[in-house]
Amino acid sequence: MEKQNKYAFEVFSSANKNEVKKAVESLYGVNVEKVNIVNIPRKKRRVGRARQGFRKGYKKAIVRIAKGQKIEIMPR
């Protein structure tokens, strides 16, 4: 996705597209062109034979930034 200038972030469940755009622009100093948000559902998990539970779901934001810009994921 980095070749397409797209980056994925896990965000708060109450966050909307405008809040994600403002946060990424202020934190990384890039121009955000588009934000897509995906709700990842919780998944059923088994522990042993009888116990069942759920893995927590979350909200994921996929952010496309302007061409020629880059977000440094791992500082060098």
C-alpha atoms as a PDB file:
ATOM      1  CA  MET A   1       0.000   0.000   0.000  1.00  0.00           C
ATOM      2  CA  GLU A   2       2.957   2.309   0.527  1.00  0.00           C
ATOM      3  CA  LYS A   3       3.589   2.374  -3.230  1.00  0.00           C
ATOM      4  CA  GLN A   4       0.035   3.715  -3.700  1.00  0.00           C
ATOM      5  CA  ASN A   5       0.642   6.377  -0.990  1.00  0.00           C
ATOM      6  CA  LYS A   6      -1.801   4.611   1.370  1.00  0.00           C
ATOM      7  CA  TYR A   7      -1.276   3.953   5.076  1.00  0.00           C
ATOM      8  CA  ALA A   8      -3.464   2.091   7.579  1.00  0.00           C
ATOM      9  CA  PHE A   9      -4.095   3.210  11.162  1.00  0.00           C
ATOM     10  CA  GLU A  10      -6.125   1.754  14.010  1.00  0.00           C
ATOM     11  CA  VAL A  11      -8.344   4.563  15.311  1.00  0.00           C
ATOM     12  CA  PHE A  12     -10.857   5.160  18.106  1.00  0.00           C
ATOM     13  CA  SER A  13     -14.276   3.648  17.470  1.00  0.00           C
ATOM     14  CA  SER A  14     -15.885   7.099  17.714  1.00  0.00           C
ATOM     15  CA  ALA A  15     -13.513   8.773  15.202  1.00  0.00           C
ATOM     16  CA  ASN A  16     -14.846  10.032  11.882  1.00  0.00           C
ATOM     17  CA  LYS A  17     -13.088  10.810   8.588  1.00  0.00           C
ATOM     18  CA  ASN A  18     -12.571  14.516   9.302  1.00  0.00           C
ATOM     19  CA  GLU A  19     -10.977  13.846  12.699  1.00  0.00           C
ATOM     20  CA  VAL A  20      -8.652  11.208  11.226  1.00  0.00           C
ATOM     21  CA  LYS A  21      -7.615  13.575   8.423  1.00  0.00           C
ATOM     22  CA  LYS A  22      -6.818  16.418  10.828  1.00  0.00           C
ATOM     23  CA  ALA A  23      -4.881  14.117  13.169  1.00  0.00           C
ATOM     24  CA  VAL A  24      -2.701  12.584  10.424  1.00  0.00           C
ATOM     25  CA  GLU A  25      -1.971  15.980   8.867  1.00  0.00           C
ATOM     26  CA  SER A  26      -0.950  17.492  12.193  1.00  0.00           C
ATOM     27  CA  LEU A  27       1.094  14.509  13.433  1.00  0.00           C
ATOM     28  CA  TYR A  28       3.017  13.684  10.254  1.00  0.00           C
ATOM     29  CA  GLY A  29       2.945  16.994   8.357  1.00  0.00           C
ATOM     30  CA  VAL A  30       1.505  15.547   5.115  1.00  0.00           C
ATOM     31  CA  ASN A  31      -1.467  16.444   2.911  1.00  0.00           C
ATOM     32  CA  VAL A  32      -4.259  13.856   3.152  1.00  0.00           C
ATOM     33  CA  GLU A  33      -6.247  13.358  -0.061  1.00  0.00           C
ATOM     34  CA  LYS A  34      -8.691  10.639   0.990  1.00  0.00           C
ATOM     35  CA  VAL A  35      -9.748   8.682   4.089  1.00  0.00           C
ATOM     36  CA  ASN A  36     -11.583   5.345   4.055  1.00  0.00           C
ATOM     37  CA  ILE A  37     -12.837   3.789   7.297  1.00  0.00           C
ATOM     38  CA  VAL A  38     -13.468   0.078   7.874  1.00  0.00           C
ATOM     39  CA  ASN A  39     -15.083  -1.490  10.950  1.00  0.00           C
ATOM     40  CA  ILE A  40     -13.348  -4.795  11.709  1.00  0.00           C
ATOM     41  CA  PRO A  41     -15.853  -7.039  13.555  1.00  0.00           C
ATOM     42  CA  ARG A  42     -15.108  -9.046  16.677  1.00  0.00           C
ATOM     43  CA  LYS A  43     -14.177 -12.685  16.109  1.00  0.00           C
ATOM     44  CA  LYS A  44     -15.072 -15.767  18.092  1.00  0.00           C
ATOM     45  CA  ARG A  45     -12.177 -17.437  19.914  1.00  0.00           C
ATOM     46  CA  ARG A  46     -12.008 -20.743  21.783  1.00  0.00           C
ATOM     47  CA  VAL A  47      -9.830 -21.422  24.796  1.00  0.00           C
ATOM     48  CA  GLY A  48      -9.724 -25.139  25.457  1.00  0.00           C
ATOM     49  CA  ARG A  49     -12.812 -27.246  24.832  1.00  0.00           C
ATOM     50  CA  ALA A  50     -15.603 -25.496  26.693  1.00  0.00           C
ATOM     51  CA  ARG A  51     -14.636 -21.855  27.026  1.00  0.00           C
ATOM     52  CA  GLN A  52     -15.552 -19.424  24.296  1.00  0.00           C
ATOM     53  CA  GLY A  53     -14.887 -15.749  24.030  1.00  0.00           C
ATOM     54  CA  PHE A  54     -14.419 -12.981  21.509  1.00  0.00           C
ATOM     55  CA  ARG A  55     -11.436 -11.093  20.211  1.00  0.00           C
ATOM     56  CA  LYS A  56     -12.139  -7.386  20.292  1.00  0.00           C
ATOM     57  CA  GLY A  57     -13.180  -5.613  17.108  1.00  0.00           C
ATOM     58  CA  TYR A  58     -11.753  -2.248  16.053  1.00  0.00           C
ATOM     59  CA  LYS A  59     -11.976   0.546  13.507  1.00  0.00           C
ATOM     60  CA  LYS A  60      -9.306   0.914  10.832  1.00  0.00           C
ATOM     61  CA  ALA A  61      -8.638   4.019   8.731  1.00  0.00           C
ATOM     62  CA  ILE A  62      -6.894   3.799   5.356  1.00  0.00           C
ATOM     63  CA  VAL A  63      -5.386   7.187   4.486  1.00  0.00           C
ATOM     64  CA  ARG A  64      -4.138   8.246   1.039  1.00  0.00           C
ATOM     65  CA  ILE A  65      -1.623  11.083   1.054  1.00  0.00           C
ATOM     66  CA  ALA A  66      -0.488  13.408  -1.721  1.00  0.00           C
ATOM     67  CA  LYS A  67       1.901  12.073  -4.332  1.00  0.00           C
ATOM     68  CA  GLY A  68       5.563  12.592  -3.503  1.00  0.00           C
ATOM     69  CA  GLN A  69       5.004  12.692   0.253  1.00  0.00           C
ATOM     70  CA  LYS A  70       5.910   9.929   2.672  1.00  0.00           C
ATOM     71  CA  ILE A  71       5.250   8.936   6.261  1.00  0.00           C
ATOM     72  CA  GLU A  72       8.282   7.621   8.106  1.00  0.00           C
ATOM     73  CA  ILE A  73       6.999   4.533   9.949  1.00  0.00           C
ATOM     74  CA  MET A  74      10.228   3.420  11.582  1.00  0.00           C
ATOM     75  CA  PRO A  75      12.569   6.305  12.481  1.00  0.00           C
ATOM     76  CA  ARG A  76      16.088   5.762  11.240  1.00  0.00           C
END
